[in-house]
Amino acid sequence: MEKILNVPNHVAIIMDGNGRWAKNKNKPRVFGHKAGAETLRKIMEYSRKIGIKYLTVYAFSTENWKRSKEEVDALMFLFKNYIKLEKENLLKNKIRFMVSGRDEGVSKSLLEAIKELEEVTSKDYEMTLNIAFNYGGRAEITDAVNKILKSGKENISEDEFSKYLYNDIPDPDFLIRTSGEFRISNFLLWQIAYSEIYITDKYWPDFNEEEMEKALLDYSKRERRFGGRLDVK
């Protein structure tokens, strides 16, 4: 395999396809979500190893509340269990845990677990895992605008606006979407304005370290122009 010459600072991933992966195996959807959590652990550790500083993953959208109560309850349980089980692993690997999203609708016990893990991992870290949970891109922008209105400020610049988003971290350099869907799904609408995008047909539970390396090799060959144009000789 070729060497990755240009490692992105921030990678964002739409972890799609858990349910279809499970269906193909004649298993309930929650089986796919459990497998997806295992994949996240592997990709997180691989990302840290190769030098990615920020990894943002789309875990639960504001629209996901429309799913069946059984599936939503299972996702909430899995996330709380993930927080409990990953604490020591995050500390050992010096990974900061962070959540971006609304508190509305999330149980008090889960919010307390999130806050506790954010605090204990914020002291000594080399990489940040940012989980978009109860998250929507339009909701984030709307919430930011409301914060600005309450502050009484006017004529906000783009850089100033970014500070009112859920978490003030660098914009993603690279966006990966699994399961072959060609849409953004209301994810990081402000932040991915100039992110490079990579689509793979692999369902998220099948997206292993080799697939991640393949995606990063594709990214490393691209020329990022941010709306400009390379000189033509």
Protein backbone atom coordinates (compact mmCIF):
# COMPACT_ATOMS: atom_id res chain seq x y z
CA MET A 1 0.00 0.00 0.00
CA GLU A 2 1.22 3.51 -0.81
CA LYS A 3 2.31 5.84 1.94
CA ILE A 4 -0.15 8.55 3.01
CA LEU A 5 1.79 11.75 2.35
CA ASN A 6 -0.84 14.27 3.42
CA VAL A 7 -2.76 13.39 6.58
CA PRO A 8 -5.81 15.64 7.13
CA ASN A 9 -6.02 17.52 10.41
CA HIS A 10 -9.77 16.93 10.77
CA VAL A 11 -11.79 14.05 9.32
CA ALA A 12 -15.60 13.93 9.51
CA ILE A 13 -17.53 10.72 8.88
CA ILE A 14 -21.19 10.04 8.17
CA MET A 15 -21.39 6.52 9.61
CA ASP A 16 -24.16 5.17 7.39
CA GLY A 17 -25.43 1.68 6.66
CA ASN A 18 -25.67 -0.02 10.07
CA GLY A 19 -29.32 -0.99 9.56
CA ARG A 20 -28.87 -2.31 6.01
CA TRP A 21 -25.77 -4.24 7.09
CA ALA A 22 -27.81 -5.94 9.80
CA LYS A 23 -30.75 -6.58 7.45
CA ASN A 24 -28.45 -8.34 5.00
CA LYS A 25 -27.51 -10.69 7.83
CA ASN A 26 -31.16 -11.19 8.86
CA LYS A 27 -30.46 -9.44 12.15
CA PRO A 28 -32.33 -6.58 13.90
CA ARG A 29 -31.12 -3.02 13.27
CA VAL A 30 -29.67 -2.74 16.77
CA PHE A 31 -27.24 -5.53 15.83
CA GLY A 32 -25.86 -3.24 13.15
CA HIS A 33 -25.53 -0.32 15.57
CA LYS A 34 -23.52 -2.50 17.98
CA ALA A 35 -21.21 -3.51 15.15
CA GLY A 36 -20.92 0.15 14.15
CA ALA A 37 -19.73 1.05 17.64
CA GLU A 38 -16.94 -1.52 17.31
CA THR A 39 -15.96 -0.02 13.97
CA LEU A 40 -15.81 3.45 15.52
CA ARG A 41 -13.34 2.21 18.13
CA LYS A 42 -11.06 0.77 15.45
CA ILE A 43 -11.20 3.86 13.22
CA MET A 44 -10.66 6.17 16.19
CA GLU A 45 -7.53 4.32 17.28
CA TYR A 46 -6.22 4.13 13.70
CA SER A 47 -6.84 7.86 13.21
CA ARG A 48 -4.85 8.72 16.30
CA LYS A 49 -2.02 6.44 15.23
CA ILE A 50 -1.54 8.13 11.86
CA GLY A 51 -1.78 11.69 13.23
CA ILE A 52 -5.34 12.88 12.64
CA LYS A 53 -6.06 15.50 15.32
CA TYR A 54 -9.86 15.73 15.07
CA LEU A 55 -12.37 13.02 14.20
CA THR A 56 -16.05 14.03 14.01
CA VAL A 57 -18.63 11.29 13.52
CA TYR A 58 -22.37 11.53 12.88
CA ALA A 59 -24.00 9.26 15.46
CA PHE A 60 -27.59 10.50 15.90
CA SER A 61 -29.34 13.28 14.01
CA THR A 62 -32.21 15.50 15.10
CA GLU A 63 -34.26 13.68 12.44
CA ASN A 64 -33.49 10.25 13.94
CA TRP A 65 -36.12 10.83 16.63
CA LYS A 66 -38.64 9.91 13.90
CA ARG A 67 -37.45 6.29 14.00
CA SER A 68 -39.29 3.67 16.02
CA LYS A 69 -39.24 4.09 19.81
CA GLU A 70 -37.55 0.70 20.07
CA GLU A 71 -34.66 1.75 17.84
CA VAL A 72 -34.28 5.18 19.46
CA ASP A 73 -34.24 3.65 22.95
CA ALA A 74 -31.65 1.12 21.79
CA LEU A 75 -29.44 3.88 20.35
CA MET A 76 -29.64 5.87 23.58
CA PHE A 77 -28.71 2.78 25.59
CA LEU A 78 -25.83 1.95 23.26
CA PHE A 79 -24.43 5.49 23.45
CA LYS A 80 -24.57 5.52 27.25
CA ASN A 81 -22.93 2.10 27.33
CA TYR A 82 -20.28 3.29 24.84
CA ILE A 83 -19.43 6.20 27.14
CA LYS A 84 -19.04 3.83 30.08
CA LEU A 85 -16.92 1.26 28.23
CA GLU A 86 -14.69 3.71 26.33
CA LYS A 87 -13.59 5.88 29.26
CA GLU A 88 -10.39 3.97 30.05
CA ASN A 89 -9.55 3.50 26.37
CA LEU A 90 -9.92 7.23 25.67
CA LEU A 91 -7.74 8.15 28.65
CA LYS A 92 -5.10 5.56 27.74
CA ASN A 93 -4.90 6.81 24.15
CA LYS A 94 -5.06 10.49 25.19
CA ILE A 95 -8.22 11.16 23.22
CA ARG A 96 -10.54 13.99 24.21
CA PHE A 97 -14.24 13.16 24.07
CA MET A 98 -16.63 15.86 22.89
CA VAL A 99 -20.29 15.94 21.85
CA SER A 100 -21.90 18.40 19.42
CA GLY A 101 -25.68 18.68 19.46
CA ARG A 102 -28.77 19.75 21.36
CA ASP A 103 -29.62 18.63 24.89
CA GLU A 104 -33.35 18.68 24.14
CA GLY A 105 -34.93 15.23 24.39
CA VAL A 106 -31.83 13.55 25.84
CA SER A 107 -32.21 12.02 29.29
CA LYS A 108 -30.62 13.72 32.29
CA SER A 109 -28.55 10.63 33.11
CA LEU A 110 -27.10 10.50 29.58
CA LEU A 111 -26.32 14.22 29.59
CA GLU A 112 -24.53 13.81 32.94
CA ALA A 113 -22.50 10.88 31.56
CA ILE A 114 -21.53 12.94 28.51
CA LYS A 115 -20.45 15.92 30.62
CA GLU A 116 -18.41 13.76 32.97
CA LEU A 117 -16.50 12.07 30.14
CA GLU A 118 -15.91 15.41 28.41
CA GLU A 119 -14.39 16.77 31.63
CA VAL A 120 -12.13 13.82 32.50
CA THR A 121 -10.69 13.58 28.98
CA SER A 122 -10.10 17.32 28.52
CA LYS A 123 -6.93 17.61 30.59
CA ASP A 124 -4.29 15.67 28.65
CA TYR A 125 -5.06 14.74 25.05
CA GLU A 126 -3.47 14.41 21.62
CA MET A 127 -6.61 13.89 19.54
CA THR A 128 -10.27 14.90 19.77
CA LEU A 129 -13.23 12.60 19.11
CA ASN A 130 -16.24 14.81 18.42
CA ILE A 131 -19.53 12.91 18.31
CA ALA A 132 -22.43 14.64 16.57
CA PHE A 133 -25.32 13.42 18.72
CA ASN A 134 -28.86 14.81 18.56
CA TYR A 135 -27.27 16.97 15.88
CA GLY A 136 -28.55 18.78 12.82
CA GLY A 137 -26.64 21.26 10.67
CA ARG A 138 -29.61 23.60 10.30
CA ALA A 139 -30.34 23.35 14.03
CA GLU A 140 -26.73 24.29 14.81
CA ILE A 141 -26.85 27.35 12.55
CA THR A 142 -30.24 28.38 13.96
CA ASP A 143 -28.95 28.01 17.52
CA ALA A 144 -25.86 30.07 16.65
CA VAL A 145 -28.01 32.87 15.18
CA ASN A 146 -30.18 32.92 18.31
CA LYS A 147 -27.09 33.18 20.51
CA ILE A 148 -25.88 36.14 18.46
CA LEU A 149 -29.29 37.85 18.66
CA LYS A 150 -29.33 37.42 22.44
CA SER A 151 -25.83 38.87 22.70
CA GLY A 152 -26.94 42.03 20.87
CA LYS A 153 -24.00 41.86 18.48
CA GLU A 154 -24.29 43.01 14.87
CA ASN A 155 -22.23 42.64 11.70
CA ILE A 156 -20.72 39.28 12.68
CA SER A 157 -17.86 38.05 10.51
CA GLU A 158 -17.60 34.44 9.34
CA ASP A 159 -14.81 33.77 11.84
CA GLU A 160 -16.87 35.25 14.68
CA PHE A 161 -19.93 33.27 13.63
CA SER A 162 -17.98 30.01 13.86
CA LYS A 163 -17.38 30.65 17.56
CA TYR A 164 -21.13 30.45 18.20
CA LEU A 165 -21.40 26.92 16.81
CA TYR A 166 -21.61 23.96 19.17
CA ASN A 167 -17.85 23.46 19.42
CA ASP A 168 -15.09 25.79 18.30
CA ILE A 169 -12.83 23.35 16.46
CA PRO A 170 -11.22 23.51 12.99
CA ASP A 171 -13.41 22.79 9.98
CA PRO A 172 -13.09 19.26 8.52
CA ASP A 173 -10.54 18.85 5.74
CA PHE A 174 -12.08 15.58 4.63
CA LEU A 175 -15.64 14.19 4.75
CA ILE A 176 -16.23 10.45 4.36
CA ARG A 177 -19.66 8.91 3.82
CA THR A 178 -20.20 5.17 3.93
CA SER A 179 -22.97 3.06 2.31
CA GLY A 180 -22.82 4.77 -1.09
CA GLU A 181 -25.34 7.55 -0.49
CA PHE A 182 -24.58 10.84 -2.29
CA ARG A 183 -26.00 13.35 0.17
CA ILE A 184 -24.85 15.40 3.16
CA SER A 185 -27.85 14.61 5.38
CA ASN A 186 -27.82 17.89 7.30
CA PHE A 187 -24.30 17.28 8.63
CA LEU A 188 -21.90 20.15 9.41
CA LEU A 189 -23.50 22.42 6.81
CA TRP A 190 -21.40 25.44 7.80
CA GLN A 191 -18.14 23.60 8.43
CA ILE A 192 -17.82 21.49 5.24
CA ALA A 193 -17.94 24.40 2.79
CA TYR A 194 -14.55 23.40 1.36
CA SER A 195 -14.11 19.87 2.69
CA GLU A 196 -13.00 17.19 0.26
CA ILE A 197 -15.67 14.48 -0.01
CA TYR A 198 -15.23 10.73 -0.35
CA ILE A 199 -18.08 8.23 -0.88
CA THR A 200 -17.68 4.49 -0.38
CA ASP A 201 -20.21 1.70 -0.97
CA LYS A 202 -19.04 -0.05 2.19
CA TYR A 203 -21.55 -0.13 5.02
CA TRP A 204 -20.15 1.41 8.19
CA PRO A 205 -19.63 -1.91 10.07
CA ASP A 206 -17.44 -3.08 7.15
CA PHE A 207 -15.40 0.15 7.02
CA ASN A 208 -12.13 -1.08 8.52
CA GLU A 209 -8.62 0.34 8.79
CA GLU A 210 -7.80 -0.74 5.25
CA GLU A 211 -10.82 1.14 3.89
CA MET A 212 -9.85 4.20 5.93
CA GLU A 213 -6.34 4.05 4.51
CA LYS A 214 -7.77 3.81 0.99
CA ALA A 215 -9.86 6.93 1.62
CA LEU A 216 -6.90 8.86 3.03
CA LEU A 217 -4.73 7.91 0.07
CA ASP A 218 -7.41 9.33 -2.21
CA TYR A 219 -7.44 12.54 -0.15
CA SER A 220 -3.65 12.88 -0.19
CA LYS A 221 -3.64 13.01 -4.01
CA ARG A 222 -6.07 15.92 -4.22
CA GLU A 223 -5.25 19.59 -4.67
CA ARG A 224 -7.28 21.77 -2.32
CA ARG A 225 -7.97 25.17 -3.91
CA PHE A 226 -10.60 26.71 -1.59
CA GLY A 227 -12.33 28.42 -4.52
CA GLY A 228 -9.07 29.57 -6.11
CA ARG A 229 -7.36 28.20 -9.20
CA LEU A 230 -3.96 26.64 -9.65
CA ASP A 231 -1.64 28.41 -12.08
CA VAL A 232 -1.82 26.82 -15.50
CA LYS A 233 1.51 26.66 -17.31
